Amino acid sequence: MIKKSEHKKHLINSIEQKQIKQDIPKIEIGDTIKIKKVIQEGNKERIQASDGVIISKNNSQTNQTITVRKTIQNIGVERVYLLHSPQIISIEITKKSKVRRSKLYYLRNRSGKATRLKQKFT
């Protein structure tokens, strides 16, 4: 006999599997990416592209998130994106960087040329 809690977990897992996107590229920490996202303003929809460096990544099935950091007019801006969100249209990797840490939070304290990462050639 199946318990109610096991049945609920199985039901949730089956629904989550339908939501997982298959077209997401292999993203790593330190990659510079360009994300195209649907923005809804009133009754109009538009596509907004934003780019930046991935400083952290959290993996948990459908709740995979990445934190992207970029500098706009000498102000650091970080955004957290849900990878399997229906609002994200595409993710394009523009540059891969060689890093030795899993979280690049030290980039928050740096500015200008100090934020550059060594490029990885593959």
C-alpha atoms as a PDB file:
ATOM      1  CA  MET A   1       0.000   0.000   0.000  1.00  0.00           C
ATOM      2  CA  ILE A   2       1.364   3.429  -0.995  1.00  0.00           C
ATOM      3  CA  LYS A   3       1.420   6.115   1.661  1.00  0.00           C
ATOM      4  CA  LYS A   4      -0.180   9.489   0.966  1.00  0.00           C
ATOM      5  CA  SER A   5       3.122  11.355   1.349  1.00  0.00           C
ATOM      6  CA  GLU A   6       4.862   9.062  -1.183  1.00  0.00           C
ATOM      7  CA  HIS A   7       1.973   9.507  -3.605  1.00  0.00           C
ATOM      8  CA  LYS A   8       2.213  13.321  -3.285  1.00  0.00           C
ATOM      9  CA  LYS A   9       5.987  13.236  -3.870  1.00  0.00           C
ATOM     10  CA  HIS A  10       5.528  11.071  -6.956  1.00  0.00           C
ATOM     11  CA  LEU A  11       2.833  13.414  -8.277  1.00  0.00           C
ATOM     12  CA  ILE A  12       4.999  16.501  -7.678  1.00  0.00           C
ATOM     13  CA  ASN A  13       8.013  14.853  -9.363  1.00  0.00           C
ATOM     14  CA  SER A  14       5.970  13.937 -12.433  1.00  0.00           C
ATOM     15  CA  ILE A  15       4.694  17.521 -12.777  1.00  0.00           C
ATOM     16  CA  GLU A  16       8.216  18.936 -12.306  1.00  0.00           C
ATOM     17  CA  GLN A  17       9.628  16.657 -15.004  1.00  0.00           C
ATOM     18  CA  LYS A  18       7.217  18.212 -17.526  1.00  0.00           C
ATOM     19  CA  GLN A  19       8.492  21.711 -16.658  1.00  0.00           C
ATOM     20  CA  ILE A  20      12.216  20.967 -17.146  1.00  0.00           C
ATOM     21  CA  LYS A  21      13.696  22.553 -20.279  1.00  0.00           C
ATOM     22  CA  GLN A  22      15.970  20.413 -22.430  1.00  0.00           C
ATOM     23  CA  ASP A  23      17.524  23.209 -24.523  1.00  0.00           C
ATOM     24  CA  ILE A  24      19.610  24.825 -21.737  1.00  0.00           C
ATOM     25  CA  PRO A  25      23.355  24.832 -22.535  1.00  0.00           C
ATOM     26  CA  LYS A  26      25.967  23.500 -20.090  1.00  0.00           C
ATOM     27  CA  ILE A  27      26.492  26.543 -17.875  1.00  0.00           C
ATOM     28  CA  GLU A  28      29.415  26.837 -15.473  1.00  0.00           C
ATOM     29  CA  ILE A  29      30.575  29.364 -12.909  1.00  0.00           C
ATOM     30  CA  GLY A  30      32.562  32.197 -14.499  1.00  0.00           C
ATOM     31  CA  ASP A  31      30.817  32.016 -17.876  1.00  0.00           C
ATOM     32  CA  THR A  32      29.713  35.267 -19.473  1.00  0.00           C
ATOM     33  CA  ILE A  33      26.199  34.743 -20.776  1.00  0.00           C
ATOM     34  CA  LYS A  34      23.434  36.579 -22.587  1.00  0.00           C
ATOM     35  CA  ILE A  35      19.888  35.848 -21.396  1.00  0.00           C
ATOM     36  CA  LYS A  36      16.783  36.733 -23.390  1.00  0.00           C
ATOM     37  CA  LYS A  37      13.721  37.066 -21.193  1.00  0.00           C
ATOM     38  CA  VAL A  38      10.088  37.988 -21.809  1.00  0.00           C
ATOM     39  CA  ILE A  39       9.032  41.125 -19.921  1.00  0.00           C
ATOM     40  CA  GLN A  40       5.349  41.915 -19.543  1.00  0.00           C
ATOM     41  CA  GLU A  41       4.353  45.586 -19.302  1.00  0.00           C
ATOM     42  CA  GLY A  42       0.623  45.963 -18.948  1.00  0.00           C
ATOM     43  CA  ASN A  43      -0.886  43.996 -21.831  1.00  0.00           C
ATOM     44  CA  LYS A  44       2.254  44.165 -24.019  1.00  0.00           C
ATOM     45  CA  GLU A  45       5.118  41.696 -24.058  1.00  0.00           C
ATOM     46  CA  ARG A  46       8.674  42.421 -25.112  1.00  0.00           C
ATOM     47  CA  ILE A  47      11.968  40.573 -25.116  1.00  0.00           C
ATOM     48  CA  GLN A  48      14.788  41.991 -23.014  1.00  0.00           C
ATOM     49  CA  ALA A  49      18.363  40.780 -23.316  1.00  0.00           C
ATOM     50  CA  SER A  50      20.796  41.076 -20.430  1.00  0.00           C
ATOM     51  CA  ASP A  51      24.322  39.808 -20.031  1.00  0.00           C
ATOM     52  CA  GLY A  52      26.797  39.266 -17.234  1.00  0.00           C
ATOM     53  CA  VAL A  53      29.072  36.824 -15.410  1.00  0.00           C
ATOM     54  CA  ILE A  54      27.666  33.859 -13.506  1.00  0.00           C
ATOM     55  CA  ILE A  55      28.911  34.176  -9.929  1.00  0.00           C
ATOM     56  CA  SER A  56      26.876  31.374  -8.365  1.00  0.00           C
ATOM     57  CA  LYS A  57      24.706  28.447  -9.307  1.00  0.00           C
ATOM     58  CA  ASN A  58      22.216  26.425  -7.258  1.00  0.00           C
ATOM     59  CA  ASN A  59      21.086  23.029  -8.509  1.00  0.00           C
ATOM     60  CA  SER A  60      17.895  21.360  -7.368  1.00  0.00           C
ATOM     61  CA  GLN A  61      15.919  19.815 -10.247  1.00  0.00           C
ATOM     62  CA  THR A  62      13.417  22.393 -11.523  1.00  0.00           C
ATOM     63  CA  ASN A  63      14.529  25.073  -9.075  1.00  0.00           C
ATOM     64  CA  GLN A  64      17.950  25.579 -10.688  1.00  0.00           C
ATOM     65  CA  THR A  65      19.030  29.185 -10.292  1.00  0.00           C
ATOM     66  CA  ILE A  66      21.999  31.241 -11.431  1.00  0.00           C
ATOM     67  CA  THR A  67      23.160  34.591 -10.103  1.00  0.00           C
ATOM     68  CA  VAL A  68      24.383  36.901 -12.866  1.00  0.00           C
ATOM     69  CA  ARG A  69      26.475  39.986 -12.094  1.00  0.00           C
ATOM     70  CA  LYS A  70      27.159  42.931 -14.365  1.00  0.00           C
ATOM     71  CA  THR A  71      28.276  46.511 -13.906  1.00  0.00           C
ATOM     72  CA  ILE A  72      26.085  49.359 -15.154  1.00  0.00           C
ATOM     73  CA  GLN A  73      27.479  52.901 -14.834  1.00  0.00           C
ATOM     74  CA  ASN A  74      29.949  51.792 -12.118  1.00  0.00           C
ATOM     75  CA  ILE A  75      27.187  50.149 -10.070  1.00  0.00           C
ATOM     76  CA  GLY A  76      27.202  46.364  -9.617  1.00  0.00           C
ATOM     77  CA  VAL A  77      23.873  44.701 -10.384  1.00  0.00           C
ATOM     78  CA  GLU A  78      23.077  41.089  -9.550  1.00  0.00           C
ATOM     79  CA  ARG A  79      20.023  39.187 -10.714  1.00  0.00           C
ATOM     80  CA  VAL A  80      18.905  35.682  -9.855  1.00  0.00           C
ATOM     81  CA  TYR A  81      17.372  33.770 -12.769  1.00  0.00           C
ATOM     82  CA  LEU A  82      15.325  30.586 -12.528  1.00  0.00           C
ATOM     83  CA  LEU A  83      16.693  28.474 -15.403  1.00  0.00           C
ATOM     84  CA  HIS A  84      13.527  26.486 -16.114  1.00  0.00           C
ATOM     85  CA  SER A  85      11.259  29.535 -15.997  1.00  0.00           C
ATOM     86  CA  PRO A  86       8.851  29.883 -18.952  1.00  0.00           C
ATOM     87  CA  GLN A  87       9.840  33.583 -19.219  1.00  0.00           C
ATOM     88  CA  ILE A  88      13.428  32.750 -20.234  1.00  0.00           C
ATOM     89  CA  ILE A  89      13.577  32.308 -23.996  1.00  0.00           C
ATOM     90  CA  SER A  90      17.252  31.583 -24.586  1.00  0.00           C
ATOM     91  CA  ILE A  91      20.626  31.486 -22.884  1.00  0.00           C
ATOM     92  CA  GLU A  92      23.757  32.022 -24.958  1.00  0.00           C
ATOM     93  CA  ILE A  93      27.290  31.556 -23.632  1.00  0.00           C
ATOM     94  CA  THR A  94      29.541  34.328 -24.983  1.00  0.00           C
ATOM     95  CA  LYS A  95      32.748  33.563 -23.059  1.00  0.00           C
ATOM     96  CA  LYS A  96      34.046  30.832 -20.772  1.00  0.00           C
ATOM     97  CA  SER A  97      36.424  31.696 -17.950  1.00  0.00           C
ATOM     98  CA  LYS A  98      38.887  29.670 -15.941  1.00  0.00           C
ATOM     99  CA  VAL A  99      37.912  29.755 -12.255  1.00  0.00           C
ATOM    100  CA  ARG A 100      38.986  27.809  -9.200  1.00  0.00           C
ATOM    101  CA  ARG A 101      36.012  28.482  -6.930  1.00  0.00           C
ATOM    102  CA  SER A 102      32.381  27.471  -6.919  1.00  0.00           C
ATOM    103  CA  LYS A 103      31.132  30.932  -5.880  1.00  0.00           C
ATOM    104  CA  LEU A 104      32.671  34.141  -7.211  1.00  0.00           C
ATOM    105  CA  TYR A 105      31.405  36.460  -4.480  1.00  0.00           C
ATOM    106  CA  TYR A 106      34.842  38.107  -4.251  1.00  0.00           C
ATOM    107  CA  LEU A 107      33.994  39.971  -7.485  1.00  0.00           C
ATOM    108  CA  ARG A 108      31.605  42.133  -5.439  1.00  0.00           C
ATOM    109  CA  ASN A 109      34.541  43.860  -3.732  1.00  0.00           C
ATOM    110  CA  ARG A 110      36.417  44.529  -6.961  1.00  0.00           C
ATOM    111  CA  SER A 111      35.884  47.118  -9.647  1.00  0.00           C
ATOM    112  CA  GLY A 112      37.239  47.942 -13.087  1.00  0.00           C
ATOM    113  CA  LYS A 113      39.950  45.743 -14.546  1.00  0.00           C
ATOM    114  CA  ALA A 114      40.232  43.750 -11.303  1.00  0.00           C
ATOM    115  CA  THR A 115      36.947  42.012 -12.161  1.00  0.00           C
ATOM    116  CA  ARG A 116      38.349  40.393 -15.299  1.00  0.00           C
ATOM    117  CA  LEU A 117      38.638  36.610 -15.372  1.00  0.00           C
ATOM    118  CA  LYS A 118      41.090  34.547 -17.423  1.00  0.00           C
ATOM    119  CA  GLN A 119      39.508  33.163 -20.550  1.00  0.00           C
ATOM    120  CA  LYS A 120      39.286  29.392 -21.046  1.00  0.00           C
ATOM    121  CA  PHE A 121      39.966  28.187 -24.572  1.00  0.00           C
ATOM    122  CA  THR A 122      38.295  24.903 -25.503  1.00  0.00           C
END
